[in-house]
Structures are given as C-alpha cells and as structure tokens.
C-alpha cells in the first residue's frame, strides 16, 4: 500500500510542476547543446596540447 500512496503523491506533485513552453524548451536545448559542444572542443584542444607537449619530451 505504501507504493500506491507514493505514486499518488508523485502524481500530485507533478501537477504542480511548471513545465517550459515550446519556445523556452528550444532555447534551453540550444543553450545546453552549445555549452556541451564548447566544453568538448575546449577539452579536445587541451588534450591535443598536452599530447604535443608530452611528445616533445618522450
């Protein structure tokens, strides 16, 4: 019976959530993808630089 009560509470709380509208969701998605791409490129460049430095010494 606890599981039924749990899911009723979850359902009640989910109705209180303020879900983003289509335009907000698109904006948030673009922001996340841009940030992930930037971080990936940044670390790729850092990794390449460290690899080049290590290749000079070994």
N, C-alpha and C. Protein backbone atom coordinates (compact mmCIF):
# COMPACT_ATOMS: atom_id res chain seq x y z
N UNK A 1 0.81 -1.20 0.00
CA UNK A 1 0.00 0.00 0.00
C UNK A 1 0.85 1.27 0.00
N UNK A 2 2.07 1.17 0.51
CA UNK A 2 2.94 2.34 0.52
C UNK A 2 3.28 2.77 -0.89
N UNK A 3 3.43 1.78 -1.80
CA UNK A 3 3.79 2.13 -3.16
C UNK A 3 2.66 2.89 -3.86
N UNK A 4 1.44 2.53 -3.58
CA UNK A 4 0.28 3.23 -4.17
C UNK A 4 0.25 4.68 -3.67
N UNK A 5 0.46 4.86 -2.38
CA UNK A 5 0.48 6.20 -1.80
C UNK A 5 1.62 7.02 -2.40
N UNK A 6 2.76 6.37 -2.57
CA UNK A 6 3.91 7.05 -3.16
C UNK A 6 3.57 7.60 -4.56
N UNK A 7 2.99 6.73 -5.41
CA UNK A 7 2.67 7.17 -6.77
C UNK A 7 1.56 8.22 -6.80
N UNK A 8 0.64 8.17 -5.85
CA UNK A 8 -0.38 9.22 -5.77
C UNK A 8 0.28 10.56 -5.42
N UNK A 9 1.24 10.52 -4.49
CA UNK A 9 1.96 11.75 -4.13
C UNK A 9 2.80 12.26 -5.30
N UNK A 10 3.42 11.35 -6.02
CA UNK A 10 4.20 11.75 -7.20
C UNK A 10 3.29 12.42 -8.22
N UNK A 11 2.15 11.82 -8.47
CA UNK A 11 1.20 12.38 -9.43
C UNK A 11 0.74 13.77 -9.00
N UNK A 12 0.46 13.93 -7.72
CA UNK A 12 0.02 15.22 -7.20
C UNK A 12 1.12 16.28 -7.36
N UNK A 13 2.35 15.91 -7.08
CA UNK A 13 3.46 16.86 -7.20
C UNK A 13 3.75 17.21 -8.65
N UNK A 14 3.62 16.24 -9.55
CA UNK A 14 3.89 16.50 -10.96
C UNK A 14 2.91 17.52 -11.55
N UNK A 15 1.71 17.58 -10.99
CA UNK A 15 0.73 18.56 -11.46
C UNK A 15 1.13 19.98 -11.06
N UNK A 16 1.97 20.11 -10.05
CA UNK A 16 2.41 21.42 -9.58
C UNK A 16 3.61 21.96 -10.36
N UNK A 17 4.25 21.09 -11.13
CA UNK A 17 5.46 21.47 -11.85
C UNK A 17 5.13 22.47 -12.94
N UNK A 18 5.98 23.48 -13.07
CA UNK A 18 5.83 24.46 -14.14
C UNK A 18 6.70 24.02 -15.32
N UNK A 19 6.07 23.40 -16.31
CA UNK A 19 6.81 22.88 -17.45
C UNK A 19 7.11 24.01 -18.43
N UNK A 20 8.28 23.99 -19.07
CA UNK A 20 8.62 25.05 -20.03
C UNK A 20 7.76 24.95 -21.30
N UNK A 21 7.49 26.11 -21.86
CA UNK A 21 6.73 26.16 -23.11
C UNK A 21 7.67 25.80 -24.26
N UNK A 22 7.13 25.66 -25.44
CA UNK A 22 7.92 25.24 -26.60
C UNK A 22 9.12 26.13 -26.89
N UNK A 23 8.90 27.44 -26.85
CA UNK A 23 9.97 28.37 -27.16
C UNK A 23 11.07 28.32 -26.08
N UNK A 24 10.67 28.24 -24.81
CA UNK A 24 11.65 28.13 -23.72
C UNK A 24 12.44 26.84 -23.84
N UNK A 25 11.75 25.76 -24.14
CA UNK A 25 12.40 24.45 -24.27
C UNK A 25 13.43 24.48 -25.39
N UNK A 26 13.08 25.09 -26.51
CA UNK A 26 14.02 25.21 -27.62
C UNK A 26 15.24 26.03 -27.20
N UNK A 27 15.01 27.13 -26.51
CA UNK A 27 16.10 27.99 -26.05
C UNK A 27 17.02 27.24 -25.09
N UNK A 28 16.42 26.52 -24.13
CA UNK A 28 17.23 25.76 -23.17
C UNK A 28 18.02 24.66 -23.85
N UNK A 29 17.40 24.00 -24.82
CA UNK A 29 18.07 22.92 -25.54
C UNK A 29 19.27 23.45 -26.32
N UNK A 30 19.09 24.57 -27.00
CA UNK A 30 20.19 25.17 -27.76
C UNK A 30 21.31 25.59 -26.82
N UNK A 31 20.96 26.15 -25.67
CA UNK A 31 21.97 26.56 -24.69
C UNK A 31 22.77 25.36 -24.20
N UNK A 32 22.10 24.28 -23.87
CA UNK A 32 22.78 23.08 -23.38
C UNK A 32 23.69 22.49 -24.47
N UNK A 33 23.17 22.36 -25.68
CA UNK A 33 23.97 21.78 -26.76
C UNK A 33 25.18 22.65 -27.09
N UNK A 34 25.01 23.96 -27.08
CA UNK A 34 26.13 24.87 -27.34
C UNK A 34 27.18 24.75 -26.25
N UNK A 35 26.75 24.69 -25.01
CA UNK A 35 27.68 24.56 -23.89
C UNK A 35 28.45 23.25 -23.97
N UNK A 36 27.74 22.16 -24.25
CA UNK A 36 28.39 20.85 -24.35
C UNK A 36 29.40 20.85 -25.49
N UNK A 37 29.04 21.43 -26.63
CA UNK A 37 29.95 21.48 -27.77
C UNK A 37 31.19 22.31 -27.42
N UNK A 38 30.99 23.45 -26.77
CA UNK A 38 32.11 24.31 -26.39
C UNK A 38 33.06 23.57 -25.44
N UNK A 39 32.51 22.92 -24.44
CA UNK A 39 33.34 22.20 -23.46
C UNK A 39 34.07 21.05 -24.15
N UNK A 40 33.41 20.34 -25.06
CA UNK A 40 34.05 19.24 -25.78
C UNK A 40 35.21 19.74 -26.62
N UNK A 41 35.02 20.84 -27.34
CA UNK A 41 36.09 21.40 -28.16
C UNK A 41 37.23 21.90 -27.27
N UNK A 42 36.90 22.55 -26.17
CA UNK A 42 37.91 23.05 -25.24
C UNK A 42 38.79 21.92 -24.74
N UNK A 43 38.17 20.84 -24.27
CA UNK A 43 38.96 19.73 -23.74
C UNK A 43 39.72 18.99 -24.83
N UNK A 44 39.18 18.95 -26.04
CA UNK A 44 39.91 18.34 -27.15
C UNK A 44 41.17 19.13 -27.45
N UNK A 45 41.08 20.45 -27.44
CA UNK A 45 42.25 21.30 -27.69
C UNK A 45 43.27 21.15 -26.56
N UNK A 46 42.79 21.15 -25.32
CA UNK A 46 43.69 20.97 -24.18
C UNK A 46 44.38 19.61 -24.26
N UNK A 47 43.63 18.56 -24.59
CA UNK A 47 44.20 17.22 -24.72
C UNK A 47 45.24 17.19 -25.83
N UNK A 48 44.94 17.81 -26.94
CA UNK A 48 45.89 17.86 -28.05
C UNK A 48 47.17 18.59 -27.63
N UNK A 49 47.00 19.70 -26.93
CA UNK A 49 48.17 20.45 -26.47
C UNK A 49 49.03 19.65 -25.51
N UNK A 50 48.40 18.99 -24.56
CA UNK A 50 49.17 18.17 -23.61
C UNK A 50 49.86 17.03 -24.33
N UNK A 51 49.18 16.41 -25.29
CA UNK A 51 49.79 15.32 -26.06
C UNK A 51 51.02 15.82 -26.82
N UNK A 52 50.92 17.00 -27.40
CA UNK A 52 52.05 17.55 -28.15
C UNK A 52 53.22 17.85 -27.22
N UNK A 53 52.94 18.40 -26.07
CA UNK A 53 54.00 18.69 -25.10
C UNK A 53 54.67 17.40 -24.64
N UNK A 54 53.90 16.37 -24.33
CA UNK A 54 54.47 15.12 -23.90
C UNK A 54 55.28 14.44 -25.01
N UNK A 55 54.85 14.60 -26.27
CA UNK A 55 55.59 14.01 -27.38
C UNK A 55 56.95 14.68 -27.56
N UNK A 56 57.10 15.93 -27.14
CA UNK A 56 58.38 16.61 -27.24
C UNK A 56 59.40 16.01 -26.26
N UNK A 57 58.93 15.53 -25.12
CA UNK A 57 59.83 15.03 -24.09
C UNK A 57 60.05 13.53 -24.16
N UNK A 58 59.15 12.79 -24.77
CA UNK A 58 59.29 11.32 -24.77
C UNK A 58 59.33 10.76 -26.15
